[in-house]
Structure formats: C-alpha cells, structure tokens
Amino acid sequence: MSNTTAPVALNAAAMSTDPATERIRSTWTAGDFGRIAVGYAPGAAEFIARLGLARGERVLDVACGTGNLALPAARAGANTTGIDIAPSLIAQAIASADDEGIAARFDVGDAEELPYADGSFDTVVSMFGAMFAARPTRAAAELLRVTRSAGRIAMANWTPTGFIGQMLRIVVGYAPPPPGSQSVLHWGDEAVVRERLAGVKRIDCVRRRIVFEYPCSPADTVGLFRDWYGPTVRAFAAVDAERHALLEHDLTALWSENNHGDGTTTCVESEYLEVIAVR
C-alpha cells in the first residue's frame, strides 16, 4: 500500500447484479461529487487531525469519495487505503494523490462487502459515506470486521435536524426512496449508532458542525447540487417540470435562510454526529 494504484474493480459482479447496491452506485456516479466535496474539505481535514494518527497507522476510508479523509490521513503519514463504490470518484482520488505525490491506495468496492481481511486496519474512518449504504447492518458489521481489536472506527454522520439532514428530507419528500428503505439519517441518531456498533469497548459521540463554502450565491449553490450531488441529481431527474421548479424553490429557500455569506458567496454550517468507537 505504499503507492497510489489504478482503480481496481473489486466485487464487480456483485455490484452489477444486486439491485440495492446498483441503486447506490448509480446515485454516486450521477453528477460529480468532487465539485461538492471541495466545499467542506477543510472540515474533513480537521476531522482527521482530531484523530492524531500515528505514522504508519493502517487507515481505511470507507466510501472515501474523492479522498477528503484519505488524503489528509496519508499526508499525516498513515498507511492509507480508500474504497468507494463509484469508479469515477476513485479515479479523482488517485489523480489528486498523484498530483501531490501522496502515497495511498484506492480501490473500487462496496461498503457492505469490504474486500479486506478481518482486523486489517488500526483505524477505519467514514465521513458522510458509509451512512448511505443500502443495508446499514451489513455496513456496520463490515466496519467492525476489518478493524483490529482495540482499533478505532471514526464516523461523521449527518443528523436528522442539521442543515444537510433538512436538505435530504426535502429531497426525499419529492423523490421517495424505494419501499422498505431505511433513512440514512438514522446514522445521525446516537442510540441507533450504539445499537449498530454493539459489542465495542467504548463509543463516544459528539455533535459537531462543518462548514460548506462555495464562491456563488445560494441559488447557484442549489444549481451546483442539482447538477453534481448524486442524491439531488437523481431527485431532480425523477420529478416533472412543475415539481422540479418547486424542489428548486424549496432548496434555494433553505440555503438562503441558512447562509452566512454575503449573497454572492454561500457559507452554511451543518451539524453532524462524530462517532469514535473503540473495537
């Protein structure tokens, strides 16, 4: 794991045939999440800094996207692997690592079926990533399985009442998920997290805030999310013209009401639940 690698299509057959997995992959290959992730990259780096990673520590970033956690972990000297279900995002993470000369490995794969041996990592992290897995109990079991005894699982999960939680509730109000789907926002409920990660030695949960900053107006920021953020790309594609306009109106109102920028810029804080579990 000492060098960046070309993306490896792990478990490709399972991802292409399982409907739930395919739905998640299709969501995150819609648009270009890298254009969104850059807006909160400083907060992601702060999340990693709080972990105090040791040089050579084996770190796995689950649902790593374009590397908002994996890259600062590697910069800190950790032996870092990132995995994501979207090949396009893995390609961006590899390109960023190569541009900086950062040693890290990135794989294509599913959070519900991680292609690593039991206890392979000292610290497993996921920021707004594993929480989107279609079957949360499977994802939780995999996080636990690949973490060594006395190792850490560190997650950042959107809370139901935070800004992004509100945004996601607006989105599903217009484009509901398939019947039987569990809300991704359950991962932002401390009681649910403790149940899903039952059996660990200790869990500490802290509510924190992260800042989204974009050099454009709230309305243009909504356009950014409409065109590039997977869940909203899919939602806008699922509604007719009238409801498209209503969804855009509701999201613009939410971003405008919460904006601390000057109107030509957008700066919004969103609450998340930081979870640190010791295996």
Protein backbone atom coordinates (compact mmCIF):
# COMPACT_ATOMS: atom_id res chain seq x y z
CA MET A 1 0.00 0.00 0.00
CA SER A 2 2.98 2.29 -0.40
CA ASN A 3 1.98 3.78 -3.74
CA THR A 4 -1.13 5.01 -5.47
CA THR A 5 -2.67 2.42 -7.74
CA ALA A 6 -5.05 2.30 -10.66
CA PRO A 7 -8.65 1.73 -9.51
CA VAL A 8 -9.40 -1.96 -9.02
CA ALA A 9 -12.96 -3.19 -9.74
CA LEU A 10 -13.46 -5.33 -6.66
CA ASN A 11 -16.64 -7.40 -6.31
CA ALA A 12 -17.74 -6.11 -9.70
CA ALA A 13 -20.14 -8.98 -10.31
CA ALA A 14 -21.98 -8.41 -7.05
CA MET A 15 -22.22 -4.68 -7.69
CA SER A 16 -23.67 -5.22 -11.15
CA THR A 17 -26.35 -7.73 -10.13
CA ASP A 18 -27.58 -6.62 -6.69
CA PRO A 19 -30.39 -4.05 -7.15
CA ALA A 20 -29.81 -2.22 -3.85
CA THR A 21 -26.09 -1.91 -4.48
CA GLU A 22 -26.66 -0.83 -8.06
CA ARG A 23 -29.04 1.90 -6.86
CA ILE A 24 -26.39 3.29 -4.51
CA ARG A 25 -23.69 3.10 -7.17
CA SER A 26 -25.94 4.81 -9.70
CA THR A 27 -26.64 7.59 -7.21
CA TRP A 28 -22.98 8.35 -6.59
CA THR A 29 -21.93 8.05 -10.22
CA ALA A 30 -24.59 10.62 -11.15
CA GLY A 31 -23.09 14.09 -11.32
CA ASP A 32 -19.62 14.77 -9.92
CA PHE A 33 -19.34 14.65 -6.14
CA GLY A 34 -15.85 16.13 -6.26
CA ARG A 35 -17.39 19.53 -7.05
CA ILE A 36 -19.38 19.27 -3.80
CA ALA A 37 -16.69 17.73 -1.57
CA VAL A 38 -14.31 20.63 -2.12
CA GLY A 39 -16.78 22.86 -0.25
CA TYR A 40 -16.13 21.16 3.09
CA ALA A 41 -12.57 19.83 2.62
CA PRO A 42 -11.15 21.96 5.49
CA GLY A 43 -13.65 20.45 7.94
CA ALA A 44 -12.74 16.96 6.74
CA ALA A 45 -9.06 17.67 7.37
CA GLU A 46 -9.95 18.86 10.89
CA PHE A 47 -11.80 15.58 11.50
CA ILE A 48 -8.64 13.64 10.61
CA ALA A 49 -6.42 15.95 12.67
CA ARG A 50 -8.51 15.25 15.81
CA LEU A 51 -7.72 11.53 15.46
CA GLY A 52 -4.00 12.14 15.95
CA LEU A 53 -2.98 9.42 13.51
CA ALA A 54 0.45 7.88 14.03
CA ARG A 55 2.95 7.50 11.20
CA GLY A 56 2.45 4.07 9.65
CA GLU A 57 -1.00 3.59 11.20
CA ARG A 58 -3.16 1.44 8.94
CA VAL A 59 -6.18 3.55 7.96
CA LEU A 60 -9.17 2.64 5.79
CA ASP A 61 -11.50 5.34 4.47
CA VAL A 62 -14.84 3.67 3.66
CA ALA A 63 -16.94 5.36 0.95
CA CYS A 64 -14.00 7.71 0.51
CA GLY A 65 -15.36 9.68 -2.43
CA THR A 66 -12.60 11.88 -3.85
CA GLY A 67 -10.42 11.47 -0.75
CA ASN A 68 -11.48 14.19 1.69
CA LEU A 69 -10.36 11.97 4.60
CA ALA A 70 -7.93 9.60 2.89
CA LEU A 71 -5.68 12.33 1.52
CA PRO A 72 -5.11 14.21 4.82
CA ALA A 73 -4.65 10.84 6.56
CA ALA A 74 -1.91 9.95 4.06
CA ARG A 75 -0.35 13.40 4.45
CA ALA A 76 -0.13 12.68 8.18
CA GLY A 77 1.95 9.60 7.40
CA ALA A 78 -0.73 6.94 7.81
CA ASN A 79 -0.65 3.84 5.61
CA THR A 80 -3.91 4.74 3.90
CA THR A 81 -6.44 2.89 1.77
CA GLY A 82 -9.64 4.42 0.39
CA ILE A 83 -12.56 2.48 -1.07
CA ASP A 84 -15.66 3.74 -2.83
CA ILE A 85 -18.47 2.26 -4.91
CA ALA A 86 -18.10 4.91 -7.65
CA PRO A 87 -15.15 4.33 -10.02
CA SER A 88 -15.26 7.96 -11.16
CA LEU A 89 -14.66 9.20 -7.61
CA ILE A 90 -11.82 6.74 -7.06
CA ALA A 91 -10.22 8.00 -10.27
CA GLN A 92 -10.37 11.56 -8.92
CA ALA A 93 -8.86 10.50 -5.58
CA ILE A 94 -5.99 8.74 -7.38
CA ALA A 95 -5.37 11.79 -9.55
CA SER A 96 -5.27 14.09 -6.51
CA ALA A 97 -2.87 11.79 -4.68
CA ASP A 98 -0.63 11.53 -7.74
CA ASP A 99 -0.64 15.31 -8.21
CA GLU A 100 0.60 15.76 -4.63
CA GLY A 101 2.93 12.80 -4.66
CA ILE A 102 0.97 11.24 -1.80
CA ALA A 103 1.37 7.50 -1.14
CA ALA A 104 -2.07 5.91 -0.77
CA ARG A 105 -4.11 3.07 -2.24
CA PHE A 106 -7.60 3.46 -3.67
CA ASP A 107 -9.97 0.61 -4.56
CA VAL A 108 -13.42 0.35 -6.11
CA GLY A 109 -15.73 -1.66 -3.83
CA ASP A 110 -18.81 -1.84 -1.66
CA ALA A 111 -19.06 -0.75 2.00
CA GLU A 112 -21.32 -3.75 2.60
CA GLU A 113 -18.68 -6.22 1.37
CA LEU A 114 -15.22 -4.85 2.06
CA PRO A 115 -12.52 -6.88 0.27
CA TYR A 116 -10.09 -6.89 3.21
CA ALA A 117 -9.18 -9.49 5.81
CA ASP A 118 -10.52 -9.38 9.36
CA GLY A 119 -8.68 -6.87 11.56
CA SER A 120 -6.69 -5.37 8.67
CA PHE A 121 -6.82 -1.77 9.90
CA ASP A 122 -5.96 0.18 13.04
CA THR A 123 -8.45 2.94 12.26
CA VAL A 124 -11.46 2.86 9.94
CA VAL A 125 -13.00 6.21 9.02
CA SER A 126 -16.04 7.32 7.06
CA MET A 127 -17.34 10.85 6.58
CA PHE A 128 -20.88 11.11 5.17
CA GLY A 129 -20.12 7.88 3.31
CA ALA A 130 -20.92 4.51 4.88
CA MET A 131 -24.14 6.06 6.20
CA PHE A 132 -25.50 5.89 2.62
CA ALA A 133 -25.10 2.11 2.30
CA ALA A 134 -28.39 0.44 1.38
CA ARG A 135 -28.20 -2.08 4.25
CA PRO A 136 -26.80 -0.36 7.33
CA THR A 137 -26.47 -3.50 9.43
CA ARG A 138 -24.22 -5.04 6.78
CA ALA A 139 -22.13 -1.87 6.54
CA ALA A 140 -21.79 -1.70 10.34
CA ALA A 141 -20.74 -5.36 10.51
CA GLU A 142 -18.08 -4.75 7.85
CA LEU A 143 -16.70 -1.68 9.66
CA LEU A 144 -16.34 -3.82 12.78
CA ARG A 145 -14.89 -6.81 10.96
CA VAL A 146 -11.98 -5.03 9.28
CA THR A 147 -11.00 -3.07 12.41
CA ARG A 148 -8.44 -4.77 14.63
CA SER A 149 -9.09 -5.43 18.32
CA ALA A 150 -8.60 -2.15 20.23
CA GLY A 151 -8.66 -0.27 16.92
CA ARG A 152 -10.96 2.67 16.17
CA ILE A 153 -13.97 3.33 13.99
CA ALA A 154 -14.46 7.06 13.37
CA MET A 155 -17.56 8.27 11.56
CA ALA A 156 -19.13 11.60 10.66
CA ASN A 157 -22.88 11.19 10.05
CA TRP A 158 -25.47 13.83 9.20
CA THR A 159 -28.01 14.37 11.98
CA PRO A 160 -31.74 14.49 11.18
CA THR A 161 -32.07 18.06 12.49
CA GLY A 162 -28.92 19.52 10.93
CA PHE A 163 -28.84 21.52 7.71
CA ILE A 164 -27.99 18.62 5.39
CA GLY A 165 -30.49 16.47 7.27
CA GLN A 166 -33.14 19.06 6.44
CA MET A 167 -32.00 19.19 2.83
CA LEU A 168 -32.17 15.43 2.45
CA ARG A 169 -35.66 15.36 3.97
CA ILE A 170 -36.81 17.94 1.40
CA VAL A 171 -35.30 15.83 -1.38
CA VAL A 172 -36.97 12.56 -0.32
CA GLY A 173 -40.25 14.44 0.04
CA TYR A 174 -40.16 14.94 -3.72
CA ALA A 175 -38.43 11.68 -4.70
CA PRO A 176 -39.04 9.00 -2.04
CA PRO A 177 -36.64 6.05 -1.82
CA PRO A 178 -37.83 2.53 -2.65
CA PRO A 179 -40.29 0.95 -0.19
CA GLY A 180 -38.57 -0.65 2.78
CA SER A 181 -35.51 1.60 2.59
CA GLN A 182 -34.10 2.84 5.88
CA SER A 183 -33.38 6.54 6.29
CA VAL A 184 -29.68 7.33 6.02
CA LEU A 185 -30.23 9.88 8.79
CA HIS A 186 -30.64 7.11 11.36
CA TRP A 187 -26.83 7.06 11.40
CA GLY A 188 -27.02 10.53 12.96
CA ASP A 189 -29.01 9.19 15.93
CA GLU A 190 -26.69 8.24 18.80
CA ALA A 191 -28.98 5.48 20.07
CA VAL A 192 -29.11 3.85 16.64
CA VAL A 193 -25.35 4.07 16.23
CA ARG A 194 -24.79 2.41 19.61
CA GLU A 195 -27.14 -0.39 18.59
CA ARG A 196 -25.45 -0.91 15.21
CA LEU A 197 -21.95 -0.93 16.71
CA ALA A 198 -22.94 -3.01 19.73
CA GLY A 199 -20.14 -5.01 21.31
CA VAL A 200 -17.38 -2.42 21.02
CA LYS A 201 -15.47 -1.45 24.16
CA ARG A 202 -16.45 2.20 24.06
CA ILE A 203 -18.36 4.68 21.91
CA ASP A 204 -18.05 8.45 22.22
CA CYS A 205 -20.50 10.61 20.27
CA VAL A 206 -20.16 14.38 19.87
CA ARG A 207 -22.31 16.73 17.81
CA ARG A 208 -20.10 18.93 15.67
CA ARG A 209 -20.58 21.39 12.83
CA ILE A 210 -18.91 21.55 9.45
CA VAL A 211 -18.90 24.48 7.05
CA PHE A 212 -19.86 24.38 3.36
CA GLU A 213 -18.34 27.26 1.40
CA TYR A 214 -18.92 28.00 -2.27
CA PRO A 215 -17.98 31.12 -4.28
CA CYS A 216 -21.50 31.65 -5.59
CA SER A 217 -24.99 32.65 -4.44
CA PRO A 218 -27.32 30.27 -2.58
CA ALA A 219 -29.39 29.86 -5.76
CA ASP A 220 -26.28 28.95 -7.74
CA THR A 221 -25.21 26.60 -4.94
CA VAL A 222 -28.53 24.81 -5.32
CA GLY A 223 -27.74 24.57 -9.02
CA LEU A 224 -24.37 23.06 -8.11
CA PHE A 225 -26.09 20.39 -6.01
CA ARG A 226 -28.80 19.87 -8.63
CA ASP A 227 -26.22 19.17 -11.31
CA TRP A 228 -23.47 17.38 -9.37
CA TYR A 229 -24.59 15.92 -5.98
CA GLY A 230 -25.84 12.36 -6.59
CA PRO A 231 -28.95 12.34 -4.34
CA THR A 232 -30.21 15.67 -5.70
CA VAL A 233 -29.27 14.81 -9.29
CA ARG A 234 -31.43 11.71 -9.00
CA ALA A 235 -34.28 13.58 -7.28
CA PHE A 236 -34.48 16.31 -9.93
CA ALA A 237 -34.40 13.67 -12.67
CA ALA A 238 -37.33 11.84 -11.04
CA VAL A 239 -39.83 14.75 -10.97
CA ASP A 240 -41.83 16.53 -13.64
CA ALA A 241 -41.22 20.16 -14.64
CA GLU A 242 -43.65 21.60 -12.08
CA ARG A 243 -42.22 19.67 -9.16
CA HIS A 244 -38.70 20.35 -10.45
CA ALA A 245 -39.37 24.08 -10.01
CA LEU A 246 -40.91 23.54 -6.56
CA LEU A 247 -37.96 21.43 -5.40
CA GLU A 248 -35.52 24.05 -6.62
CA HIS A 249 -37.53 26.76 -4.83
CA ASP A 250 -37.59 24.86 -1.53
CA LEU A 251 -33.87 24.10 -1.63
CA THR A 252 -32.99 27.70 -2.53
CA ALA A 253 -35.08 28.93 0.40
CA LEU A 254 -33.27 26.55 2.77
CA TRP A 255 -29.80 27.56 1.58
CA SER A 256 -30.71 31.26 1.61
CA GLU A 257 -32.15 31.15 5.13
CA ASN A 258 -29.03 29.47 6.49
CA ASN A 259 -26.44 31.40 4.51
CA HIS A 260 -23.80 33.39 6.42
CA GLY A 261 -22.16 34.60 3.21
CA ASP A 262 -22.68 37.99 1.59
CA GLY A 263 -25.17 36.80 -1.04
CA THR A 264 -22.55 36.45 -3.75
CA THR A 265 -20.94 33.70 -1.67
CA THR A 266 -22.51 30.84 0.27
CA CYS A 267 -21.35 29.76 3.71
CA VAL A 268 -23.60 27.30 5.57
CA GLU A 269 -22.92 25.23 8.68
CA SER A 270 -24.36 21.75 9.09
CA GLU A 271 -24.46 19.59 12.19
CA TYR A 272 -23.11 16.04 12.16
CA LEU A 273 -22.61 13.31 14.73
CA GLU A 274 -18.96 12.43 15.27
CA VAL A 275 -18.68 8.80 16.38
CA ILE A 276 -15.46 7.34 17.81
CA ALA A 277 -15.81 3.65 18.69
CA VAL A 278 -13.02 1.52 20.15
CA ARG A 279 -13.22 -2.09 18.96
